[in-house]
PDB file of N, CA and C in Angstrom:
ATOM      1  N   MET A   1       6.774 -20.886   4.573  1.00  0.00           N
ATOM      2  CA  MET A   1       6.222 -19.764   4.886  1.00  0.00           C
ATOM      3  C   MET A   1       6.882 -18.560   4.699  1.00  0.00           C
ATOM      4  N   PHE A   2       8.257 -18.631   4.533  1.00  0.00           N
ATOM      5  CA  PHE A   2       9.207 -17.427   4.541  1.00  0.00           C
ATOM      6  C   PHE A   2       8.858 -16.806   2.970  1.00  0.00           C
ATOM      7  N   ASP A   3       8.646 -17.598   1.880  1.00  0.00           N
ATOM      8  CA  ASP A   3       8.365 -17.030   0.586  1.00  0.00           C
ATOM      9  C   ASP A   3       6.965 -16.527   0.490  1.00  0.00           C
ATOM     10  N   ARG A   4       6.024 -17.043   1.325  1.00  0.00           N
ATOM     11  CA  ARG A   4       4.675 -16.528   1.370  1.00  0.00           C
ATOM     12  C   ARG A   4       4.629 -15.133   1.623  1.00  0.00           C
ATOM     13  N   PHE A   5       5.452 -14.613   2.643  1.00  0.00           N
ATOM     14  CA  PHE A   5       5.334 -12.937   2.912  1.00  0.00           C
ATOM     15  C   PHE A   5       6.646 -12.376   2.509  1.00  0.00           C
ATOM     16  N   GLN A   6       7.784 -13.012   2.083  1.00  0.00           N
ATOM     17  CA  GLN A   6       8.854 -12.134   1.655  1.00  0.00           C
ATOM     18  C   GLN A   6       8.573 -11.854   0.195  1.00  0.00           C
ATOM     19  N   TYR A   7       8.052 -12.933  -0.667  1.00  0.00           N
ATOM     20  CA  TYR A   7       7.827 -12.437  -2.052  1.00  0.00           C
ATOM     21  C   TYR A   7       6.427 -12.353  -2.490  1.00  0.00           C
ATOM     22  N   ALA A   8       5.397 -11.900  -1.546  1.00  0.00           N
ATOM     23  CA  ALA A   8       4.021 -11.918  -1.635  1.00  0.00           C
ATOM     24  C   ALA A   8       3.779 -10.680  -2.662  1.00  0.00           C
ATOM     25  N   ASP A   9       2.815 -10.775  -3.650  1.00  0.00           N
ATOM     26  CA  ASP A   9       2.367  -9.619  -4.356  1.00  0.00           C
ATOM     27  C   ASP A   9       1.767  -8.568  -3.733  1.00  0.00           C
ATOM     28  N   ASP A  10       1.184  -8.848  -2.540  1.00  0.00           N
ATOM     29  CA  ASP A  10       0.460  -7.862  -1.562  1.00  0.00           C
ATOM     30  C   ASP A  10       0.874  -8.045  -0.167  1.00  0.00           C
ATOM     31  N   PRO A  11       1.866  -7.404   0.194  1.00  0.00           N
ATOM     32  CA  PRO A  11       2.478  -7.535   1.581  1.00  0.00           C
ATOM     33  C   PRO A  11       1.538  -7.009   2.636  1.00  0.00           C
ATOM     34  N   ASN A  12       0.472  -6.469   2.348  1.00  0.00           N
ATOM     35  CA  ASN A  12      -0.437  -6.150   3.205  1.00  0.00           C
ATOM     36  C   ASN A  12      -1.746  -7.038   3.340  1.00  0.00           C
ATOM     37  N   SER A  13      -1.661  -8.150   2.758  1.00  0.00           N
ATOM     38  CA  SER A  13      -2.770  -9.096   2.711  1.00  0.00           C
ATOM     39  C   SER A  13      -2.733  -9.826   3.911  1.00  0.00           C
ATOM     40  N   PRO A  14      -3.928 -10.308   4.385  1.00  0.00           N
ATOM     41  CA  PRO A  14      -4.075 -11.101   5.764  1.00  0.00           C
ATOM     42  C   PRO A  14      -3.161 -12.273   5.661  1.00  0.00           C
ATOM     43  N   SER A  15      -3.158 -12.891   4.472  1.00  0.00           N
ATOM     44  CA  SER A  15      -2.358 -14.385   4.348  1.00  0.00           C
ATOM     45  C   SER A  15      -1.015 -14.048   4.529  1.00  0.00           C
ATOM     46  N   CYS A  16      -0.503 -12.803   3.971  1.00  0.00           N
ATOM     47  CA  CYS A  16       1.054 -12.438   4.153  1.00  0.00           C
ATOM     48  C   CYS A  16       1.320 -12.297   5.522  1.00  0.00           C
ATOM     49  N   LYS A  17       0.400 -11.484   6.137  1.00  0.00           N
ATOM     50  CA  LYS A  17       0.735 -11.171   7.551  1.00  0.00           C
ATOM     51  C   LYS A  17       0.674 -12.190   8.474  1.00  0.00           C
ATOM     52  N   GLU A  18      -0.077 -13.233   8.211  1.00  0.00           N
ATOM     53  CA  GLU A  18      -0.241 -14.506   8.896  1.00  0.00           C
ATOM     54  C   GLU A  18       1.154 -15.533   8.691  1.00  0.00           C
ATOM     55  N   ALA A  19       1.384 -15.449   7.397  1.00  0.00           N
ATOM     56  CA  ALA A  19       2.522 -16.125   7.141  1.00  0.00           C
ATOM     57  C   ALA A  19       3.883 -15.582   7.939  1.00  0.00           C
ATOM     58  N   LYS A  20       4.122 -14.406   7.819  1.00  0.00           N
ATOM     59  CA  LYS A  20       5.103 -13.671   8.565  1.00  0.00           C
ATOM     60  C   LYS A  20       4.934 -13.938  10.154  1.00  0.00           C
ATOM     61  N   ILE A  21       3.740 -13.854  10.740  1.00  0.00           N
ATOM     62  CA  ILE A  21       3.632 -14.270  12.177  1.00  0.00           C
ATOM     63  C   ILE A  21       3.943 -15.810  12.372  1.00  0.00           C
ATOM     64  N   GLN A  22       3.620 -16.587  11.470  1.00  0.00           N
ATOM     65  CA  GLN A  22       3.826 -18.001  11.779  1.00  0.00           C
ATOM     66  C   GLN A  22       5.298 -18.266  11.690  1.00  0.00           C
ATOM     67  N   PHE A  23       5.995 -17.751  10.694  1.00  0.00           N
ATOM     68  CA  PHE A  23       7.390 -17.675  10.497  1.00  0.00           C
ATOM     69  C   PHE A  23       8.402 -17.348  11.658  1.00  0.00           C
ATOM     70  N   ASN A  24       7.965 -16.128  12.054  1.00  0.00           N
ATOM     71  CA  ASN A  24       8.519 -15.734  13.327  1.00  0.00           C
ATOM     72  C   ASN A  24       8.307 -16.494  14.434  1.00  0.00           C
ATOM     73  N   ARG A  25       7.144 -16.924  14.656  1.00  0.00           N
ATOM     74  CA  ARG A  25       6.862 -17.777  15.982  1.00  0.00           C
ATOM     75  C   ARG A  25       7.680 -19.035  15.770  1.00  0.00           C
ATOM     76  N   LEU A  26       7.684 -19.564  14.626  1.00  0.00           N
ATOM     77  CA  LEU A  26       8.580 -20.915  14.335  1.00  0.00           C
ATOM     78  C   LEU A  26      10.041 -20.516  14.741  1.00  0.00           C
ATOM     79  N   VAL A  27      10.511 -19.338  14.126  1.00  0.00           N
ATOM     80  CA  VAL A  27      11.972 -19.197  14.372  1.00  0.00           C
ATOM     81  C   VAL A  27      12.248 -18.977  15.915  1.00  0.00           C
ATOM     82  N   ASN A  28      11.389 -18.281  16.535  1.00  0.00           N
ATOM     83  CA  ASN A  28      11.442 -18.136  17.968  1.00  0.00           C
ATOM     84  C   ASN A  28      11.445 -19.308  18.830  1.00  0.00           C
ATOM     85  N   GLN A  29      10.524 -20.107  18.380  1.00  0.00           N
ATOM     86  CA  GLN A  29      10.373 -21.622  19.059  1.00  0.00           C
ATOM     87  C   GLN A  29      11.859 -22.187  18.768  1.00  0.00           C
ATOM     88  N   LEU A  30      12.346 -22.326  17.825  1.00  0.00           N
ATOM     89  CA  LEU A  30      13.525 -23.052  17.461  1.00  0.00           C
ATOM     90  C   LEU A  30      14.559 -22.549  18.137  1.00  0.00           C
ATOM     91  N   PHE A  31      14.649 -21.272  18.320  1.00  0.00           N
ATOM     92  CA  PHE A  31      15.800 -20.700  19.052  1.00  0.00           C
ATOM     93  C   PHE A  31      15.714 -21.073  20.534  1.00  0.00           C
ATOM     94  N   ASP A  32      14.537 -20.790  21.016  1.00  0.00           N
ATOM     95  CA  ASP A  32      14.214 -21.260  22.432  1.00  0.00           C
ATOM     96  C   ASP A  32      14.609 -22.574  22.784  1.00  0.00           C
ATOM     97  N   ASP A  33      13.980 -23.417  21.773  1.00  0.00           N
ATOM     98  CA  ASP A  33      14.186 -25.003  22.122  1.00  0.00           C
ATOM     99  C   ASP A  33      15.661 -25.634  21.757  1.00  0.00           C
ATOM    100  N   CYS A  34      16.411 -25.157  20.850  1.00  0.00           N
ATOM    101  CA  CYS A  34      17.387 -25.731  20.247  1.00  0.00           C
ATOM    102  C   CYS A  34      18.629 -24.916  19.983  1.00  0.00           C
ATOM    103  N   VAL A  35      18.483 -23.621  20.325  1.00  0.00           N
ATOM    104  CA  VAL A  35      19.816 -22.970  20.264  1.00  0.00           C
ATOM    105  C   VAL A  35      20.191 -22.250  21.619  1.00  0.00           C
ATOM    106  N   ARG A  36      19.223 -21.564  22.384  1.00  0.00           N
ATOM    107  CA  ARG A  36      19.552 -20.950  23.500  1.00  0.00           C
ATOM    108  C   ARG A  36      20.013 -21.682  24.619  1.00  0.00           C
ATOM    109  N   PRO A  37      19.596 -22.979  24.988  1.00  0.00           N
ATOM    110  CA  PRO A  37      20.221 -23.877  25.979  1.00  0.00           C
ATOM    111  C   PRO A  37      21.658 -24.134  25.494  1.00  0.00           C
ATOM    112  N   TYR A  38      22.081 -24.235  24.416  1.00  0.00           N
ATOM    113  CA  TYR A  38      23.402 -24.841  24.159  1.00  0.00           C
ATOM    114  C   TYR A  38      24.328 -23.914  23.437  1.00  0.00           C
ATOM    115  N   TYR A  39      24.033 -22.462  23.016  1.00  0.00           N
ATOM    116  CA  TYR A  39      24.680 -21.542  22.421  1.00  0.00           C
ATOM    117  C   TYR A  39      24.534 -20.354  22.894  1.00  0.00           C
ATOM    118  N   GLN A  40      24.944 -19.830  24.084  1.00  0.00           N
ATOM    119  CA  GLN A  40      24.769 -18.891  24.953  1.00  0.00           C
ATOM    120  C   GLN A  40      25.245 -17.550  24.180  1.00  0.00           C
ATOM    121  N   SER A  41      26.123 -17.689  23.259  1.00  0.00           N
ATOM    122  CA  SER A  41      26.804 -16.440  22.595  1.00  0.00           C
ATOM    123  C   SER A  41      26.000 -16.060  21.299  1.00  0.00           C
ATOM    124  N   LEU A  42      25.024 -16.996  20.873  1.00  0.00           N
ATOM    125  CA  LEU A  42      24.362 -16.547  19.621  1.00  0.00           C
ATOM    126  C   LEU A  42      22.972 -15.873  20.072  1.00  0.00           C
ATOM    127  N   THR A  43      22.708 -14.643  19.521  1.00  0.00           N
ATOM    128  CA  THR A  43      21.593 -14.037  19.796  1.00  0.00           C
ATOM    129  C   THR A  43      20.354 -14.346  18.973  1.00  0.00           C
ATOM    130  N   LEU A  44      19.083 -14.113  19.252  1.00  0.00           N
ATOM    131  CA  LEU A  44      18.028 -14.394  18.429  1.00  0.00           C
ATOM    132  C   LEU A  44      18.021 -13.728  17.131  1.00  0.00           C
ATOM    133  N   VAL A  45      18.593 -12.587  17.047  1.00  0.00           N
ATOM    134  CA  VAL A  45      18.674 -11.552  15.701  1.00  0.00           C
ATOM    135  C   VAL A  45      19.753 -12.329  14.973  1.00  0.00           C
ATOM    136  N   GLN A  46      20.767 -12.685  15.509  1.00  0.00           N
ATOM    137  CA  GLN A  46      21.829 -13.555  14.594  1.00  0.00           C
ATOM    138  C   GLN A  46      21.223 -14.726  14.153  1.00  0.00           C
ATOM    139  N   PHE A  47      20.469 -15.495  14.871  1.00  0.00           N
ATOM    140  CA  PHE A  47      19.916 -16.726  14.410  1.00  0.00           C
ATOM    141  C   PHE A  47      18.910 -16.640  13.293  1.00  0.00           C
ATOM    142  N   ARG A  48      17.971 -15.578  13.572  1.00  0.00           N
ATOM    143  CA  ARG A  48      16.948 -15.148  12.528  1.00  0.00           C
ATOM    144  C   ARG A  48      17.630 -14.916  11.357  1.00  0.00           C
ATOM    145  N   GLY A  49      18.634 -14.021  11.375  1.00  0.00           N
ATOM    146  CA  GLY A  49      19.348 -13.759  10.043  1.00  0.00           C
ATOM    147  C   GLY A  49      19.846 -15.024   9.307  1.00  0.00           C
ATOM    148  N   GLN A  50      20.386 -15.841  10.007  1.00  0.00           N
ATOM    149  CA  GLN A  50      21.024 -17.015   9.433  1.00  0.00           C
ATOM    150  C   GLN A  50      19.829 -17.860   8.879  1.00  0.00           C
ATOM    151  N   VAL A  51      18.754 -18.007   9.651  1.00  0.00           N
ATOM    152  CA  VAL A  51      17.568 -18.769   9.108  1.00  0.00           C
ATOM    153  C   VAL A  51      17.032 -18.011   7.753  1.00  0.00           C
ATOM    154  N   ILE A  52      16.976 -16.840   7.736  1.00  0.00           N
ATOM    155  CA  ILE A  52      16.441 -16.077   6.631  1.00  0.00           C
ATOM    156  C   ILE A  52      17.389 -16.300   5.381  1.00  0.00           C
ATOM    157  N   SER A  53      18.867 -16.228   5.651  1.00  0.00           N
ATOM    158  CA  SER A  53      19.787 -16.492   4.494  1.00  0.00           C
ATOM    159  C   SER A  53      19.559 -17.862   4.006  1.00  0.00           C
ATOM    160  N   GLU A  54      19.562 -18.651   4.929  1.00  0.00           N
ATOM    161  CA  GLU A  54      19.154 -20.152   4.418  1.00  0.00           C
ATOM    162  C   GLU A  54      17.939 -20.308   3.651  1.00  0.00           C
ATOM    163  N   CYS A  55      16.847 -19.693   4.160  1.00  0.00           N
ATOM    164  CA  CYS A  55      15.731 -19.713   3.318  1.00  0.00           C
ATOM    165  C   CYS A  55      15.824 -19.058   1.879  1.00  0.00           C
ATOM    166  N   LYS A  56      16.400 -18.010   1.745  1.00  0.00           N
ATOM    167  CA  LYS A  56      16.629 -17.314   0.410  1.00  0.00           C
ATOM    168  C   LYS A  56      17.542 -18.321  -0.255  1.00  0.00           C
ATOM    169  N   ARG A  57      18.659 -18.819   0.268  1.00  0.00           N
ATOM    170  CA  ARG A  57      19.438 -19.861  -0.643  1.00  0.00           C
ATOM    171  C   ARG A  57      18.547 -21.028  -1.142  1.00  0.00           C
ATOM    172  N   TYR A  58      17.747 -21.566  -0.118  1.00  0.00           N
ATOM    173  CA  TYR A  58      16.985 -22.839  -0.683  1.00  0.00           C
ATOM    174  C   TYR A  58      16.125 -22.277  -1.707  1.00  0.00           C
ATOM    175  N   LEU A  59      15.414 -21.211  -1.686  1.00  0.00           N
ATOM    176  CA  LEU A  59      14.409 -20.777  -2.593  1.00  0.00           C
ATOM    177  C   LEU A  59      15.231 -20.404  -4.039  1.00  0.00           C
ATOM    178  N   ASN A  60      16.331 -20.044  -4.027  1.00  0.00           N
ATOM    179  CA  ASN A  60      17.145 -19.665  -5.177  1.00  0.00           C
ATOM    180  C   ASN A  60      17.461 -21.083  -5.822  1.00  0.00           C
ATOM    181  N   ARG A  61      17.913 -21.886  -5.010  1.00  0.00           N
ATOM    182  CA  ARG A  61      18.129 -23.221  -5.736  1.00  0.00           C
ATOM    183  C   ARG A  61      17.204 -24.116  -6.091  1.00  0.00           C
ATOM    184  N   GLU A  62      15.828 -23.778  -5.569  1.00  0.00           N
ATOM    185  CA  GLU A  62      14.724 -24.339  -6.206  1.00  0.00           C
ATOM    186  C   GLU A  62      14.316 -23.802  -7.402  1.00  0.00           C
ATOM    187  N   ARG A  63      14.584 -22.417  -7.602  1.00  0.00           N
ATOM    188  CA  ARG A  63      14.195 -21.882  -8.836  1.00  0.00           C
ATOM    189  C   ARG A  63      15.080 -22.233  -9.996  1.00  0.00           C
ATOM    190  N   LYS A  64      16.320 -22.710  -9.635  1.00  0.00           N
ATOM    191  CA  LYS A  64      17.248 -22.864 -10.692  1.00  0.00           C
ATOM    192  C   LYS A  64      17.208 -24.340 -11.151  1.00  0.00           C
ATOM    193  N   THR A  65      16.630 -25.121 -10.512  1.00  0.00           N
ATOM    194  CA  THR A  65      16.551 -26.491 -10.599  1.00  0.00           C
ATOM    195  C   THR A  65      15.607 -26.893 -11.748  1.00  0.00           C
ATOM    196  N   PRO A  66      15.917 -27.527 -12.929  1.00  0.00           N
ATOM    197  CA  PRO A  66      15.118 -27.720 -13.943  1.00  0.00           C
ATOM    198  C   PRO A  66      13.717 -28.524 -13.457  1.00  0.00           C
ATOM    199  N   PRO A  67      12.624 -28.403 -14.022  1.00  0.00           N
ATOM    200  CA  PRO A  67      11.546 -29.283 -13.603  1.00  0.00           C
ATOM    201  C   PRO A  67      11.825 -30.594 -13.891  1.00  0.00           C
ATOM    202  N   SER A  68      11.372 -31.519 -12.986  1.00  0.00           N
ATOM    203  CA  SER A  68      11.415 -32.952 -13.352  1.00  0.00           C
ATOM    204  C   SER A  68      10.301 -33.497 -13.969  1.00  0.00           C
ATOM    205  N   VAL A  69      10.362 -34.517 -14.698  1.00  0.00           N
ATOM    206  CA  VAL A  69       9.377 -35.188 -15.631  1.00  0.00           C
ATOM    207  C   VAL A  69       8.615 -36.246 -14.858  1.00  0.00           C
TER     208      VAL A  69
END
């Protein structure tokens, strides 16, 4: 979902906006279910920033990987 809105050709397209909404909803849900109950000192903004960093790292690794045959 991240790449569908972060690297979209048209950031104002309905599909781009929907991908961003879904991504943010999922990050919020993960934070509420998995982070907030166990890590009181971590904020949603910090968590979201880390998730975005990991998404960017993953996408960069995928682009550098040679195609498999």
